[in-house]
Amino acid sequence: MKNSEVSYTVRDDVVFSDVQNGIALLDLDRNVYFTLNGTGAVVWRSLEQPKSIDDLAKIVSEKYGVDTDQCLPDISALIDQLVEKKLVRVSNEASA
């Protein structure tokens, strides 16, 4: 599937709070704690509404003034980790 065909959103049972230089996540279902750096925090907050990896790369690109293609691999890797840790939901339709 293309990056724009799948969307991701935060799970309802994962709470988060700002911490120095990032964000802390707590999976209430499994009682597991995670932290993300500042860029990860931007991605996480963006996932409050369904977003594709392409959408997220565009958001990060605009926030940090980098080329979308440059940040796409890092965003994709972060999303893979969030999916693996079951912190986000995946759907087959990205937001328009």
C-alpha atoms as a PDB file:
ATOM      1  CA  MET A   1       0.000   0.000   0.000  1.00  0.00           C
ATOM      2  CA  LYS A   2       1.063   3.550  -0.616  1.00  0.00           C
ATOM      3  CA  ASN A   3       1.841   5.893   2.253  1.00  0.00           C
ATOM      4  CA  SER A   4      -1.345   7.826   1.542  1.00  0.00           C
ATOM      5  CA  GLU A   5      -3.677   4.771   1.566  1.00  0.00           C
ATOM      6  CA  VAL A   6      -3.273   3.906   5.243  1.00  0.00           C
ATOM      7  CA  SER A   7      -4.048   6.204   8.158  1.00  0.00           C
ATOM      8  CA  TYR A   8      -2.982   6.100  11.776  1.00  0.00           C
ATOM      9  CA  THR A   9      -4.495   7.527  14.937  1.00  0.00           C
ATOM     10  CA  VAL A  10      -3.738   7.348  18.652  1.00  0.00           C
ATOM     11  CA  ARG A  11      -5.470   4.653  20.669  1.00  0.00           C
ATOM     12  CA  ASP A  12      -7.978   5.830  23.258  1.00  0.00           C
ATOM     13  CA  ASP A  13      -6.274   3.911  26.066  1.00  0.00           C
ATOM     14  CA  VAL A  14      -2.927   5.672  25.605  1.00  0.00           C
ATOM     15  CA  VAL A  15      -2.548   8.892  27.581  1.00  0.00           C
ATOM     16  CA  PHE A  16       0.249  11.390  27.161  1.00  0.00           C
ATOM     17  CA  SER A  17       1.878  14.345  28.852  1.00  0.00           C
ATOM     18  CA  ASP A  18       4.542  16.844  27.910  1.00  0.00           C
ATOM     19  CA  VAL A  19       7.981  16.230  29.379  1.00  0.00           C
ATOM     20  CA  GLN A  20      11.239  18.064  28.868  1.00  0.00           C
ATOM     21  CA  ASN A  21      12.179  17.831  25.168  1.00  0.00           C
ATOM     22  CA  GLY A  22       9.287  15.552  24.211  1.00  0.00           C
ATOM     23  CA  ILE A  23       6.258  13.650  25.333  1.00  0.00           C
ATOM     24  CA  ALA A  24       5.563  10.704  27.645  1.00  0.00           C
ATOM     25  CA  LEU A  25       3.035   8.040  26.674  1.00  0.00           C
ATOM     26  CA  LEU A  26       1.353   5.590  29.024  1.00  0.00           C
ATOM     27  CA  ASP A  27      -0.469   2.590  27.629  1.00  0.00           C
ATOM     28  CA  LEU A  28      -3.169   2.149  30.271  1.00  0.00           C
ATOM     29  CA  ASP A  29      -4.174  -1.251  28.923  1.00  0.00           C
ATOM     30  CA  ARG A  30      -0.719  -2.757  29.391  1.00  0.00           C
ATOM     31  CA  ASN A  31       0.723  -0.349  32.000  1.00  0.00           C
ATOM     32  CA  VAL A  32       3.732   0.420  29.779  1.00  0.00           C
ATOM     33  CA  TYR A  33       5.480   3.800  29.574  1.00  0.00           C
ATOM     34  CA  PHE A  34       7.151   5.267  26.462  1.00  0.00           C
ATOM     35  CA  THR A  35       8.833   8.570  25.631  1.00  0.00           C
ATOM     36  CA  LEU A  36       9.178  10.423  22.329  1.00  0.00           C
ATOM     37  CA  ASN A  37      11.515  13.291  21.463  1.00  0.00           C
ATOM     38  CA  GLY A  38      10.258  16.660  20.208  1.00  0.00           C
ATOM     39  CA  THR A  39       9.748  15.500  16.639  1.00  0.00           C
ATOM     40  CA  GLY A  40       7.988  12.374  17.849  1.00  0.00           C
ATOM     41  CA  ALA A  41       5.752  14.598  19.973  1.00  0.00           C
ATOM     42  CA  VAL A  42       4.754  16.597  16.889  1.00  0.00           C
ATOM     43  CA  VAL A  43       3.856  13.353  15.123  1.00  0.00           C
ATOM     44  CA  TRP A  44       1.955  12.021  18.154  1.00  0.00           C
ATOM     45  CA  ARG A  45      -0.140  15.183  18.547  1.00  0.00           C
ATOM     46  CA  SER A  46      -0.910  15.101  14.831  1.00  0.00           C
ATOM     47  CA  LEU A  47      -2.328  11.597  15.245  1.00  0.00           C
ATOM     48  CA  GLU A  48      -5.225  12.807  17.378  1.00  0.00           C
ATOM     49  CA  GLN A  49      -7.007  12.819  14.003  1.00  0.00           C
ATOM     50  CA  PRO A  50      -6.301  10.099  11.387  1.00  0.00           C
ATOM     51  CA  LYS A  51      -3.236  10.896   9.281  1.00  0.00           C
ATOM     52  CA  SER A  52      -1.244   9.078   6.633  1.00  0.00           C
ATOM     53  CA  ILE A  53       2.546   8.856   6.705  1.00  0.00           C
ATOM     54  CA  ASP A  54       2.601  11.361   3.825  1.00  0.00           C
ATOM     55  CA  ASP A  55       0.429  13.752   5.886  1.00  0.00           C
ATOM     56  CA  LEU A  56       2.755  13.385   8.862  1.00  0.00           C
ATOM     57  CA  ALA A  57       5.878  13.975   6.761  1.00  0.00           C
ATOM     58  CA  LYS A  58       4.301  17.147   5.408  1.00  0.00           C
ATOM     59  CA  ILE A  59       3.502  18.365   8.940  1.00  0.00           C
ATOM     60  CA  VAL A  60       7.048  17.683  10.172  1.00  0.00           C
ATOM     61  CA  SER A  61       8.514  19.221   7.020  1.00  0.00           C
ATOM     62  CA  GLU A  62       6.582  22.441   7.549  1.00  0.00           C
ATOM     63  CA  LYS A  63       7.345  22.586  11.287  1.00  0.00           C
ATOM     64  CA  TYR A  64      11.099  22.056  10.946  1.00  0.00           C
ATOM     65  CA  GLY A  65      11.768  23.463   7.461  1.00  0.00           C
ATOM     66  CA  VAL A  66      13.107  20.230   5.977  1.00  0.00           C
ATOM     67  CA  ASP A  67      12.272  18.524   2.704  1.00  0.00           C
ATOM     68  CA  THR A  68       9.363  16.079   2.951  1.00  0.00           C
ATOM     69  CA  ASP A  69      11.357  13.347   1.215  1.00  0.00           C
ATOM     70  CA  GLN A  70      14.150  13.830   3.746  1.00  0.00           C
ATOM     71  CA  CYS A  71      11.954  13.206   6.786  1.00  0.00           C
ATOM     72  CA  LEU A  72       9.700  10.528   5.252  1.00  0.00           C
ATOM     73  CA  PRO A  73      11.951   7.546   6.178  1.00  0.00           C
ATOM     74  CA  ASP A  74      12.195   8.693   9.807  1.00  0.00           C
ATOM     75  CA  ILE A  75       8.438   9.278  10.072  1.00  0.00           C
ATOM     76  CA  SER A  76       7.783   5.877   8.537  1.00  0.00           C
ATOM     77  CA  ALA A  77      10.177   4.214  11.017  1.00  0.00           C
ATOM     78  CA  LEU A  78       8.515   5.979  13.956  1.00  0.00           C
ATOM     79  CA  ILE A  79       5.054   4.911  12.805  1.00  0.00           C
ATOM     80  CA  ASP A  80       6.301   1.334  12.423  1.00  0.00           C
ATOM     81  CA  GLN A  81       7.510   1.432  16.039  1.00  0.00           C
ATOM     82  CA  LEU A  82       4.227   2.926  17.298  1.00  0.00           C
ATOM     83  CA  VAL A  83       2.279   0.224  15.456  1.00  0.00           C
ATOM     84  CA  GLU A  84       4.583  -2.507  16.777  1.00  0.00           C
ATOM     85  CA  LYS A  85       4.102  -1.221  20.342  1.00  0.00           C
ATOM     86  CA  LYS A  86       0.329  -1.060  19.713  1.00  0.00           C
ATOM     87  CA  LEU A  87       0.143   2.644  20.556  1.00  0.00           C
ATOM     88  CA  VAL A  88      -1.730   3.645  17.393  1.00  0.00           C
ATOM     89  CA  ARG A  89      -4.651   2.291  15.398  1.00  0.00           C
ATOM     90  CA  VAL A  90      -4.276   1.543  11.694  1.00  0.00           C
ATOM     91  CA  SER A  91      -7.000   1.908   9.099  1.00  0.00           C
ATOM     92  CA  ASN A  92      -6.982   1.374   5.346  1.00  0.00           C
ATOM     93  CA  GLU A  93      -8.391   4.783   4.477  1.00  0.00           C
ATOM     94  CA  ALA A  94      -6.360   7.927   5.021  1.00  0.00           C
ATOM     95  CA  SER A  95      -8.013  11.241   5.763  1.00  0.00           C
ATOM     96  CA  ALA A  96      -8.575  13.582   2.883  1.00  0.00           C
END
